[in-house]
Amino acid sequence: MNKFLKFILVLVIAIGNLTGCSFETKNDELYNSKLEEITDHLDKYGESVDELIKSPQNGNNWTQKELATDSTDSALSGTLRISVMWPDNETNLIAVAAKEFQDLHPEVKIQIQFHDDVLKYQAQTSVELMSNTAADIIDLSYIPYERYAAAGLLADLYPLMNADDSFHKEDYFVNVFEAFEDSQNGLAVVPLSFIFNSVTMRQDFMKSFDAEFENRGGISYQQMLDLYVRAQAEMEDENLYMSEFASATNWFEFEWDNLVDTRNKKAYMNTPEFLSNLEKIKRIKLTENVTQTKDGPGVLGGGYFRDKIFKMNPAVLFDLSSSIEDITQTLLPFNDMIYSKPIPIISDGMPTMYAPFVFGITNTTQNKELAWKFLSYCMAERALPVKEVDTNSFLFRLGFPINKQNFRKLVKAVANETLRKGGVVGYSFSGNRTAVIEESMAQVEKWCGMKGKVMQMDLNLFLDLIYPDLYQYLIGKQTAEQTATRIQTKTEIYLNE
């Protein structure tokens, strides 16, 4: 069985050290049989719910965390169960915070269940949520949480936040909280960290094609694809790569909200515009680090920029910045860099963000106040040893901390380390070191203060129903028209189940 790291591309690039996840897609040779399979999906899902609830792994593998922290409020007591999609190690902020919190509050017991397989975690968590057996606090970084919030399964965190006199909103990037708001369900999740998606572009290309997106508020992934196709033709270079991890899946990921309307249960994939885009994404040349097989899409880690971050490859048109290190590197004024400063990736005119570290509180928990106290503790300012930059970065899953003081500490540490690494491999930079770092921090903080749009693709829908037909099209076994019709029909059935 093939091993892949693909979840949502920008997220997987950021946490590429996780255990690879297998993606298997169902056989779909007969269209009618596939439609029948989708139609009776709910019955099969009910059976899987019963099976998973009976499974010993559903409730018997909670790891007891009874280590202590510094506390000021001895009144807190009770037991919290937490489900986390991250290995149990020194870079797991939840595990580190749990040790501290219990020391701070001796009457509190925290049990953490760790997971390292994205798809198994997603399936198990979905079952537990709908069967009211879920943990008190859930890592929802990999879950379509909006659907569960709409079903009343997740608590609105604003009342808990507003009732907590020790929580001061001005200490946090409130605009990021607002990006996760829902007009009907309030704030179902809080991000412990986040990343605004950005991209750098070959400067010679920007000049040749008048692509000055730095002064236009950003660039959409659709615009990137259009420019790439244009560059292939006008530069007569069929070997030009769009970006290191670019693929058809990437386009679906960034354009998802324009293709699937979950709330109104509509799909927009049988249109002339969609057909035109199918032809364009078929022209994306894959790098050695991208897989696109019948078993599923994936990325294989390492590559042009991740292994040697200062060795830019001129054969690549765009470089997506997917972590705090990437963004900091491209912001710093190293001399002779062939790529532009970072440019926000926008959708519907808004900067796009993803949150690699998102948690919610289930409505079935018996102690929502205690659960909130722990989450707020995880978000609060903490000491970050300057010399342990890599550990600190992974503590926040390579994102920007939601707490402004943690943000400033981490960005400063990463900038210093990036300048050091750049000097080691022979790159120089212009200006005063302190001024350069402060300028970079100010630019990133400006971005982090913008109202953004959260990206969230329904992985099950894409992998099970869309990707099989997309793959058949990409290898020439289906026409664009056949592909659009089939995935439109499947998606509408899925949305209306």
Protein backbone atom coordinates (compact mmCIF):
# COMPACT_ATOMS: atom_id res chain seq x y z
CA MET A 1 0.00 0.00 0.00
CA ASN A 2 1.38 3.42 -0.92
CA LYS A 3 2.19 5.84 1.89
CA PHE A 4 1.27 9.49 1.47
CA LEU A 5 1.52 12.59 3.61
CA LYS A 6 -1.23 14.43 1.78
CA PHE A 7 -3.97 15.97 3.86
CA ILE A 8 -4.43 19.59 2.93
CA LEU A 9 -1.28 20.44 1.04
CA VAL A 10 -0.13 23.52 2.90
CA LEU A 11 -0.76 21.78 6.20
CA VAL A 12 1.16 18.65 5.26
CA ILE A 13 4.15 20.63 4.03
CA ALA A 14 4.22 22.34 7.42
CA ILE A 15 4.08 19.11 9.45
CA GLY A 16 5.81 16.79 7.01
CA ASN A 17 7.51 14.90 9.82
CA LEU A 18 4.27 13.18 10.82
CA THR A 19 3.72 9.52 10.02
CA GLY A 20 2.61 9.11 6.39
CA CYS A 21 -1.08 8.43 5.87
CA SER A 22 -2.48 5.97 3.37
CA PHE A 23 -5.20 7.07 1.02
CA GLU A 24 -7.29 4.41 -0.60
CA THR A 25 -10.03 5.26 -3.08
CA LYS A 26 -12.92 2.98 -3.94
CA ASN A 27 -13.14 1.14 -7.24
CA ASP A 28 -15.38 3.15 -9.52
CA GLU A 29 -15.54 1.33 -12.80
CA LEU A 30 -19.34 1.41 -13.08
CA TYR A 31 -21.04 4.76 -12.67
CA ASN A 32 -24.42 3.35 -11.64
CA SER A 33 -22.95 1.13 -8.96
CA LYS A 34 -21.11 4.13 -7.55
CA LEU A 35 -24.34 6.10 -7.35
CA GLU A 36 -26.00 3.25 -5.48
CA GLU A 37 -23.04 3.13 -3.10
CA ILE A 38 -23.42 6.84 -2.38
CA THR A 39 -27.19 6.57 -1.94
CA ASP A 40 -27.00 3.95 0.79
CA HIS A 41 -23.98 5.63 2.41
CA LEU A 42 -25.93 6.49 5.54
CA ASP A 43 -26.84 2.86 6.24
CA LYS A 44 -23.22 1.81 5.91
CA TYR A 45 -22.13 4.73 8.04
CA GLY A 46 -24.54 3.65 10.76
CA GLU A 47 -22.96 0.21 10.75
CA SER A 48 -19.48 1.73 11.02
CA VAL A 49 -20.64 3.82 13.95
CA ASP A 50 -21.80 0.69 15.81
CA GLU A 51 -18.54 -1.06 14.98
CA LEU A 52 -16.33 1.79 16.11
CA ILE A 53 -18.27 2.35 19.34
CA LYS A 54 -17.74 -1.31 20.23
CA SER A 55 -14.03 -1.14 19.36
CA PRO A 56 -11.65 -1.27 22.34
CA GLN A 57 -9.63 1.62 20.87
CA ASN A 58 -12.64 3.88 21.36
CA GLY A 59 -12.23 4.20 25.08
CA ASN A 60 -9.42 2.11 26.47
CA ASN A 61 -6.27 3.80 25.23
CA TRP A 62 -6.39 7.11 27.08
CA THR A 63 -2.93 7.99 28.38
CA GLN A 64 -3.12 9.44 31.88
CA LYS A 65 -1.25 12.73 32.17
CA GLU A 66 -0.80 13.53 35.85
CA LEU A 67 2.08 15.94 35.90
CA ALA A 68 1.93 19.29 37.63
CA THR A 69 2.19 23.02 36.78
CA ASP A 70 2.14 26.43 38.44
CA SER A 71 -1.34 27.48 39.59
CA THR A 72 -3.03 30.45 41.07
CA ASP A 73 -6.54 29.05 41.20
CA SER A 74 -6.76 25.98 43.41
CA ALA A 75 -10.54 25.84 43.02
CA LEU A 76 -10.34 24.09 39.67
CA SER A 77 -11.03 20.36 39.80
CA GLY A 78 -12.27 17.53 37.65
CA THR A 79 -11.13 15.29 34.82
CA LEU A 80 -10.59 16.34 31.23
CA ARG A 81 -10.31 14.01 28.23
CA ILE A 82 -8.46 15.42 25.25
CA SER A 83 -8.04 13.94 21.77
CA VAL A 84 -4.97 15.15 19.84
CA MET A 85 -3.73 14.50 16.30
CA TRP A 86 0.01 14.79 17.06
CA PRO A 87 2.70 12.50 18.44
CA ASP A 88 3.28 12.45 22.19
CA ASN A 89 6.65 14.23 22.40
CA GLU A 90 8.32 17.39 23.61
CA THR A 91 6.95 19.39 20.65
CA ASN A 92 3.32 18.71 21.57
CA LEU A 93 2.02 21.90 23.19
CA ILE A 94 -1.06 20.12 24.57
CA ALA A 95 1.06 17.51 26.35
CA VAL A 96 3.46 20.13 27.68
CA ALA A 97 0.61 22.37 28.85
CA ALA A 98 -1.21 19.43 30.47
CA LYS A 99 1.82 18.68 32.64
CA GLU A 100 2.05 22.30 33.72
CA PHE A 101 -1.71 22.73 34.25
CA GLN A 102 -2.02 19.69 36.50
CA ASP A 103 0.88 20.84 38.62
CA LEU A 104 -0.86 24.18 38.84
CA HIS A 105 -4.19 22.55 39.72
CA PRO A 106 -3.61 19.33 41.72
CA GLU A 107 -7.32 18.49 41.68
CA VAL A 108 -7.41 18.38 37.89
CA LYS A 109 -6.67 15.16 35.99
CA ILE A 110 -6.01 15.29 32.25
CA GLN A 111 -6.19 12.25 30.00
CA ILE A 112 -4.83 12.62 26.47
CA GLN A 113 -5.38 10.26 23.58
CA PHE A 114 -2.72 10.77 20.91
CA HIS A 115 -3.17 9.88 17.22
CA ASP A 116 -0.74 9.80 14.32
CA ASP A 117 -2.93 8.70 11.40
CA VAL A 118 -4.99 11.56 9.96
CA LEU A 119 -7.72 9.56 8.24
CA LYS A 120 -8.22 7.11 11.11
CA TYR A 121 -8.37 10.04 13.50
CA GLN A 122 -10.90 11.84 11.35
CA ALA A 123 -13.12 8.75 11.08
CA GLN A 124 -12.96 7.90 14.77
CA THR A 125 -13.57 11.47 15.91
CA SER A 126 -16.55 11.86 13.59
CA VAL A 127 -18.10 8.68 14.96
CA GLU A 128 -17.47 9.70 18.56
CA LEU A 129 -18.96 13.15 18.03
CA MET A 130 -22.16 11.78 16.57
CA SER A 131 -22.46 9.05 19.19
CA ASN A 132 -21.86 11.46 22.11
CA THR A 133 -18.73 9.57 23.21
CA ALA A 134 -16.19 12.19 22.14
CA ALA A 135 -13.52 13.69 24.38
CA ASP A 136 -14.11 16.97 26.20
CA ILE A 137 -11.57 18.81 24.06
CA ILE A 138 -10.93 17.75 20.46
CA ASP A 139 -8.19 18.59 17.98
CA LEU A 140 -10.30 19.74 15.01
CA SER A 141 -7.41 20.73 12.75
CA TYR A 142 -8.29 17.85 10.43
CA ILE A 143 -12.07 17.78 10.81
CA PRO A 144 -14.85 19.67 8.94
CA TYR A 145 -15.90 21.22 12.24
CA GLU A 146 -18.53 23.53 10.70
CA ARG A 147 -20.81 20.56 10.05
CA TYR A 148 -20.59 19.41 13.66
CA ALA A 149 -21.09 22.93 14.98
CA ALA A 150 -24.23 23.23 12.86
CA ALA A 151 -25.46 19.94 14.37
CA GLY A 152 -25.03 21.36 17.88
CA LEU A 153 -22.18 19.02 18.79
CA LEU A 154 -19.61 21.72 19.59
CA ALA A 155 -19.89 24.40 22.27
CA ASP A 156 -19.93 28.10 21.40
CA LEU A 157 -16.72 29.36 23.00
CA TYR A 158 -17.60 33.05 23.09
CA PRO A 159 -19.78 32.83 26.24
CA LEU A 160 -16.94 30.98 28.02
CA MET A 161 -14.38 33.49 26.75
CA ASN A 162 -16.48 36.50 27.77
CA ALA A 163 -17.19 35.09 31.24
CA ASP A 164 -13.47 34.56 31.95
CA ASP A 165 -12.13 37.68 33.68
CA SER A 166 -8.57 36.39 33.32
CA PHE A 167 -8.80 36.19 29.53
CA HIS A 168 -7.93 39.49 27.84
CA LYS A 169 -8.81 39.58 24.14
CA GLU A 170 -6.39 42.40 23.44
CA ASP A 171 -3.54 39.94 24.10
CA TYR A 172 -4.56 37.91 21.03
CA PHE A 173 -5.13 38.30 17.30
CA VAL A 174 -8.87 38.79 17.67
CA ASN A 175 -9.31 39.02 13.89
CA VAL A 176 -8.22 35.37 13.67
CA PHE A 177 -10.92 34.37 16.15
CA GLU A 178 -13.38 36.32 13.99
CA ALA A 179 -12.31 34.39 10.88
CA PHE A 180 -13.55 31.21 12.58
CA GLU A 181 -16.88 32.72 13.60
CA ASP A 182 -20.15 31.39 12.28
CA SER A 183 -23.18 33.67 12.16
CA GLN A 184 -25.43 30.89 13.47
CA ASN A 185 -23.12 28.91 15.75
CA GLY A 186 -20.76 31.51 17.22
CA LEU A 187 -17.15 30.42 17.79
CA ALA A 188 -16.94 26.63 17.67
CA VAL A 189 -13.13 26.41 17.64
CA VAL A 190 -10.08 28.40 18.74
CA PRO A 191 -6.80 28.25 16.83
CA LEU A 192 -3.69 27.95 18.97
CA SER A 193 -1.72 28.96 15.88
CA PHE A 194 -2.41 29.96 12.28
CA ILE A 195 -0.70 30.82 8.99
CA PHE A 196 -1.69 33.30 6.31
CA ASN A 197 -1.01 31.62 2.99
CA SER A 198 1.55 33.48 0.92
CA VAL A 199 3.63 32.88 -2.17
CA THR A 200 6.83 34.25 -3.64
CA MET A 201 7.25 34.60 -7.39
CA ARG A 202 10.28 34.58 -9.66
CA GLN A 203 11.17 38.26 -10.01
CA ASP A 204 12.11 37.99 -13.67
CA PHE A 205 8.68 36.51 -14.35
CA MET A 206 6.96 39.34 -12.49
CA LYS A 207 8.76 41.90 -14.64
CA SER A 208 8.15 40.06 -17.91
CA PHE A 209 4.45 39.57 -17.35
CA ASP A 210 3.63 42.69 -15.33
CA ALA A 211 2.51 40.50 -12.44
CA GLU A 212 2.95 43.11 -9.70
CA PHE A 213 0.61 41.46 -7.21
CA GLU A 214 2.49 42.83 -4.22
CA ASN A 215 0.69 46.14 -4.71
CA ARG A 216 -2.70 44.60 -5.51
CA GLY A 217 -3.54 43.02 -2.17
CA GLY A 218 -2.52 39.51 -3.18
CA ILE A 219 -2.93 36.79 -5.79
CA SER A 220 -5.47 33.99 -6.00
CA TYR A 221 -4.51 30.40 -6.75
CA GLN A 222 -6.63 30.69 -9.89
CA GLN A 223 -4.50 33.64 -11.02
CA MET A 224 -1.36 31.65 -10.25
CA LEU A 225 -2.63 28.79 -12.42
CA ASP A 226 -3.54 31.17 -15.25
CA LEU A 227 -0.11 32.81 -15.12
CA TYR A 228 1.60 29.42 -15.08
CA VAL A 229 -0.25 28.24 -18.19
CA ARG A 230 0.53 31.55 -19.88
CA ALA A 231 4.21 31.27 -18.94
CA GLN A 232 4.40 27.75 -20.35
CA ALA A 233 3.20 29.07 -23.70
CA GLU A 234 5.02 32.40 -23.91
CA MET A 235 8.30 31.18 -22.44
CA GLU A 236 8.04 27.99 -24.52
CA ASP A 237 9.09 25.99 -21.50
CA GLU A 238 7.07 22.83 -20.93
CA ASN A 239 9.45 21.84 -18.14
CA LEU A 240 8.52 24.86 -16.00
CA TYR A 241 7.11 23.83 -12.63
CA MET A 242 4.29 25.87 -11.12
CA SER A 243 5.50 25.26 -7.55
CA GLU A 244 7.21 22.50 -5.63
CA PHE A 245 3.99 20.86 -4.44
CA ALA A 246 1.55 22.08 -7.12
CA SER A 247 -1.01 19.58 -8.37
CA ALA A 248 -4.65 19.32 -9.42
CA THR A 249 -5.47 18.65 -5.78
CA ASN A 250 -3.89 21.96 -4.80
CA TRP A 251 -6.23 23.86 -7.11
CA PHE A 252 -9.29 22.15 -5.62
CA GLU A 253 -8.00 22.96 -2.15
CA PHE A 254 -7.70 26.70 -2.74
CA GLU A 255 -10.80 27.00 -4.92
CA TRP A 256 -12.98 24.74 -2.76
CA ASP A 257 -15.43 27.41 -1.61
CA ASN A 258 -16.10 28.37 -5.22
CA LEU A 259 -16.83 24.75 -6.12
CA VAL A 260 -18.80 23.39 -3.15
CA ASP A 261 -21.43 25.25 -1.10
CA THR A 262 -21.98 22.98 1.90
CA ARG A 263 -24.51 25.22 3.63
CA ASN A 264 -26.81 25.49 0.61
CA LYS A 265 -25.96 21.95 -0.58
CA LYS A 266 -24.89 22.99 -4.05
CA ALA A 267 -21.95 22.20 -6.32
CA TYR A 268 -20.57 24.21 -9.24
CA MET A 269 -18.48 21.71 -11.17
CA ASN A 270 -20.44 21.29 -14.39
CA THR A 271 -19.83 24.71 -15.89
CA PRO A 272 -17.81 26.01 -18.87
CA GLU A 273 -15.39 27.71 -16.43
CA PHE A 274 -14.80 24.45 -14.57
CA LEU A 275 -14.18 22.59 -17.85
CA SER A 276 -11.62 25.22 -18.83
CA ASN A 277 -9.87 24.84 -15.48
CA LEU A 278 -9.76 21.06 -15.83
CA GLU A 279 -7.74 21.54 -18.99
CA LYS A 280 -5.39 23.93 -17.18
CA ILE A 281 -4.74 21.75 -14.13
CA LYS A 282 -3.95 18.85 -16.45
CA ARG A 283 -0.95 20.90 -17.63
CA ILE A 284 0.60 21.22 -14.16
CA LYS A 285 3.98 19.51 -14.23
CA LEU A 286 4.56 17.54 -11.03
CA THR A 287 7.85 17.72 -9.18
CA GLU A 288 9.49 14.59 -7.80
CA ASN A 289 7.87 15.29 -4.44
CA VAL A 290 4.25 15.04 -5.61
CA THR A 291 2.39 11.79 -6.26
CA GLN A 292 -0.84 11.52 -8.18
CA THR A 293 -1.85 7.86 -8.51
CA LYS A 294 -5.03 5.81 -8.50
CA ASP A 295 -4.57 5.29 -4.75
CA GLY A 296 -4.69 9.00 -4.06
CA PRO A 297 -2.71 12.24 -4.16
CA GLY A 298 0.24 12.88 -1.90
CA VAL A 299 3.45 14.71 -1.12
CA LEU A 300 6.67 13.01 -0.20
CA GLY A 301 8.48 15.64 1.88
CA GLY A 302 11.86 17.20 1.29
CA GLY A 303 12.56 18.88 -2.00
CA TYR A 304 13.63 22.05 -3.70
CA PHE A 305 13.15 24.42 -0.79
CA ARG A 306 12.49 22.41 2.37
CA ASP A 307 15.86 20.61 2.49
CA LYS A 308 17.98 23.57 1.35
CA ILE A 309 15.84 26.57 2.07
CA PHE A 310 18.27 29.08 0.60
CA LYS A 311 18.84 27.20 -2.65
CA MET A 312 15.98 28.43 -4.80
CA ASN A 313 15.33 26.53 -8.02
CA PRO A 314 14.77 28.78 -11.06
CA ALA A 315 12.74 26.05 -12.77
CA VAL A 316 9.95 26.72 -10.26
CA LEU A 317 7.67 29.69 -10.90
CA PHE A 318 6.12 30.10 -7.43
CA ASP A 319 7.15 29.09 -3.93
CA LEU A 320 4.31 28.70 -1.44
CA SER A 321 5.29 29.75 2.07
CA SER A 322 3.73 27.22 4.38
CA SER A 323 5.43 27.79 7.72
CA ILE A 324 6.79 30.52 9.94
CA GLU A 325 10.31 29.68 8.72
CA ASP A 326 9.36 29.95 5.05
CA ILE A 327 7.68 33.31 5.47
CA THR A 328 10.49 34.74 7.58
CA GLN A 329 13.12 33.58 5.12
CA THR A 330 11.48 35.25 2.15
CA LEU A 331 10.85 38.47 4.08
CA LEU A 332 14.47 39.00 5.12
CA PRO A 333 16.51 41.10 2.62
CA PHE A 334 19.05 38.49 1.53
CA ASN A 335 21.03 39.66 -1.49
CA ASP A 336 20.74 37.99 -4.89
CA MET A 337 17.48 36.17 -4.14
CA ILE A 338 15.62 35.38 -7.35
CA TYR A 339 12.17 35.39 -5.73
CA SER A 340 9.96 38.27 -4.67
CA LYS A 341 8.81 39.19 -1.18
CA PRO A 342 5.85 37.11 0.05
CA ILE A 343 2.49 37.90 -1.55
CA PRO A 344 -0.76 36.92 0.24
CA ILE A 345 -2.84 34.25 -1.47
CA ILE A 346 -6.38 35.57 -1.59
CA SER A 347 -9.84 34.14 -2.25
CA ASP A 348 -12.84 36.37 -2.97
CA GLY A 349 -10.55 39.30 -2.25
CA MET A 350 -9.65 38.10 1.26
CA PRO A 351 -6.30 36.70 2.44
CA THR A 352 -6.57 32.96 2.98
CA MET A 353 -5.38 31.28 6.14
CA TYR A 354 -5.19 27.80 7.49
CA ALA A 355 -4.99 26.82 11.10
CA PRO A 356 -2.76 23.81 11.78
CA PHE A 357 -3.71 23.81 15.45
CA VAL A 358 -7.47 24.15 16.12
CA PHE A 359 -9.42 22.90 19.14
CA GLY A 360 -13.04 22.81 20.20
CA ILE A 361 -15.04 21.79 23.26
CA THR A 362 -17.81 19.22 22.83
CA ASN A 363 -21.30 20.05 24.02
CA THR A 364 -21.47 16.78 25.96
CA THR A 365 -18.64 17.67 28.34
CA GLN A 366 -19.71 17.96 31.97
CA ASN A 367 -17.28 20.78 32.76
CA LYS A 368 -17.08 23.32 29.94
CA GLU A 369 -15.54 25.94 32.24
CA LEU A 370 -12.62 23.65 33.12
CA ALA A 371 -12.15 22.75 29.45
CA TRP A 372 -12.07 26.44 28.53
CA LYS A 373 -9.59 27.21 31.34
CA PHE A 374 -7.22 24.63 29.91
CA LEU A 375 -7.56 25.90 26.33
CA SER A 376 -7.00 29.48 27.46
CA TYR A 377 -3.90 28.30 29.35
CA CYS A 378 -2.60 26.73 26.12
CA MET A 379 -3.10 30.05 24.32
CA ALA A 380 -1.54 32.22 27.04
CA GLU A 381 1.94 33.76 26.93
CA ARG A 382 4.69 31.34 27.85
CA ALA A 383 8.47 31.23 28.06
CA LEU A 384 10.10 30.19 24.79
CA PRO A 385 13.82 29.31 25.05
CA VAL A 386 15.46 31.32 22.29
CA LYS A 387 18.02 28.67 21.37
CA GLU A 388 15.44 25.92 20.82
CA VAL A 389 13.93 27.45 17.69
CA ASP A 390 12.93 24.20 16.01
CA THR A 391 11.22 22.86 19.14
CA ASN A 392 9.41 26.15 19.64
CA SER A 393 8.25 26.21 16.01
CA PHE A 394 6.82 22.71 16.22
CA LEU A 395 5.26 23.57 19.56
CA PHE A 396 2.89 25.72 17.49
CA ARG A 397 2.92 23.34 14.50
CA LEU A 398 5.03 25.78 12.46
CA GLY A 399 2.32 28.44 12.65
CA PHE A 400 2.12 31.87 14.26
CA PRO A 401 0.96 31.72 17.90
CA ILE A 402 -2.44 33.33 18.49
CA ASN A 403 -1.00 35.14 21.52
CA LYS A 404 0.74 38.34 20.42
CA GLN A 405 3.62 38.07 22.89
CA ASN A 406 4.32 34.46 21.92
CA PHE A 407 4.12 35.59 18.29
CA ARG A 408 6.75 38.30 18.77
CA LYS A 409 9.09 36.01 20.70
CA LEU A 410 8.89 33.22 18.14
CA VAL A 411 9.18 35.42 15.03
CA LYS A 412 12.22 37.17 16.49
CA ALA A 413 13.87 33.85 17.35
CA VAL A 414 13.14 32.40 13.90
CA ALA A 415 14.43 35.55 12.15
CA ASN A 416 17.70 35.42 14.09
CA GLU A 417 18.13 31.73 13.30
CA THR A 418 17.31 32.32 9.61
CA LEU A 419 19.91 35.06 9.35
CA ARG A 420 22.45 32.77 10.99
CA LYS A 421 21.70 29.90 8.58
CA GLY A 422 21.82 32.26 5.62
CA GLY A 423 25.26 33.46 6.62
CA VAL A 424 26.53 29.90 6.99
CA VAL A 425 25.64 29.03 3.38
CA GLY A 426 27.07 32.27 1.99
CA TYR A 427 24.08 34.61 1.76
CA SER A 428 24.44 38.18 2.93
CA PHE A 429 21.73 40.65 3.79
CA SER A 430 21.46 44.41 3.65
CA GLY A 431 20.93 46.69 6.61
CA ASN A 432 21.15 46.58 10.36
CA ARG A 433 20.31 43.16 11.85
CA THR A 434 18.01 44.50 14.56
CA ALA A 435 16.24 46.85 12.16
CA VAL A 436 15.81 44.07 9.59
CA ILE A 437 14.21 41.77 12.15
CA GLU A 438 11.91 44.50 13.48
CA GLU A 439 10.83 45.39 9.94
CA SER A 440 10.07 41.76 9.15
CA MET A 441 8.14 41.34 12.39
CA ALA A 442 6.10 44.46 11.62
CA GLN A 443 5.19 43.15 8.16
CA VAL A 444 4.12 39.75 9.48
CA GLU A 445 2.16 41.33 12.31
CA LYS A 446 0.37 43.54 9.78
CA TRP A 447 -0.71 40.42 7.87
CA CYS A 448 -1.73 38.67 11.06
CA GLY A 449 -3.98 41.61 11.88
CA MET A 450 -6.00 41.25 8.67
CA LYS A 451 -9.43 39.64 8.51
CA GLY A 452 -8.81 36.38 6.72
CA LYS A 453 -10.76 33.53 5.17
CA VAL A 454 -10.21 30.06 6.63
CA MET A 455 -9.57 27.28 4.11
CA GLN A 456 -11.26 23.97 4.84
CA MET A 457 -11.70 21.30 2.21
CA ASP A 458 -13.92 18.28 2.92
CA LEU A 459 -11.28 15.58 2.62
CA ASN A 460 -13.74 12.67 2.56
CA LEU A 461 -15.76 14.21 -0.26
CA PHE A 462 -12.66 14.98 -2.29
CA LEU A 463 -10.82 11.68 -1.84
CA ASP A 464 -13.79 9.31 -2.06
CA LEU A 465 -15.98 10.95 -4.69
CA ILE A 466 -14.09 13.59 -6.65
CA TYR A 467 -10.52 12.34 -6.92
CA PRO A 468 -11.27 8.93 -8.57
CA ASP A 469 -12.90 10.65 -11.57
CA LEU A 470 -10.33 13.44 -11.55
CA TYR A 471 -7.56 10.84 -11.78
CA GLN A 472 -9.27 9.08 -14.70
CA TYR A 473 -9.38 12.44 -16.48
CA LEU A 474 -5.75 13.27 -15.71
CA ILE A 475 -4.53 9.97 -17.22
CA GLY A 476 -6.73 10.42 -20.30
CA LYS A 477 -9.37 7.76 -19.56
CA GLN A 478 -12.25 10.28 -19.33
CA THR A 479 -13.11 13.51 -21.11
CA ALA A 480 -13.42 16.78 -19.22
CA GLU A 481 -17.17 16.77 -19.90
CA GLN A 482 -17.64 13.25 -18.51
CA THR A 483 -15.57 14.10 -15.46
CA ALA A 484 -17.45 17.31 -14.69
CA THR A 485 -20.84 15.60 -15.01
CA ARG A 486 -19.90 12.68 -12.80
CA ILE A 487 -18.34 14.61 -9.95
CA GLN A 488 -21.15 17.18 -10.03
CA THR A 489 -23.72 14.40 -9.60
CA LYS A 490 -21.76 12.60 -6.87
CA THR A 491 -21.13 15.80 -4.93
CA GLU A 492 -24.78 16.85 -4.99
CA ILE A 493 -25.86 13.42 -3.73
CA TYR A 494 -23.26 13.60 -0.95
CA LEU A 495 -24.34 17.11 0.09
CA ASN A 496 -28.00 16.14 0.21
CA GLU A 497 -27.64 12.87 2.13
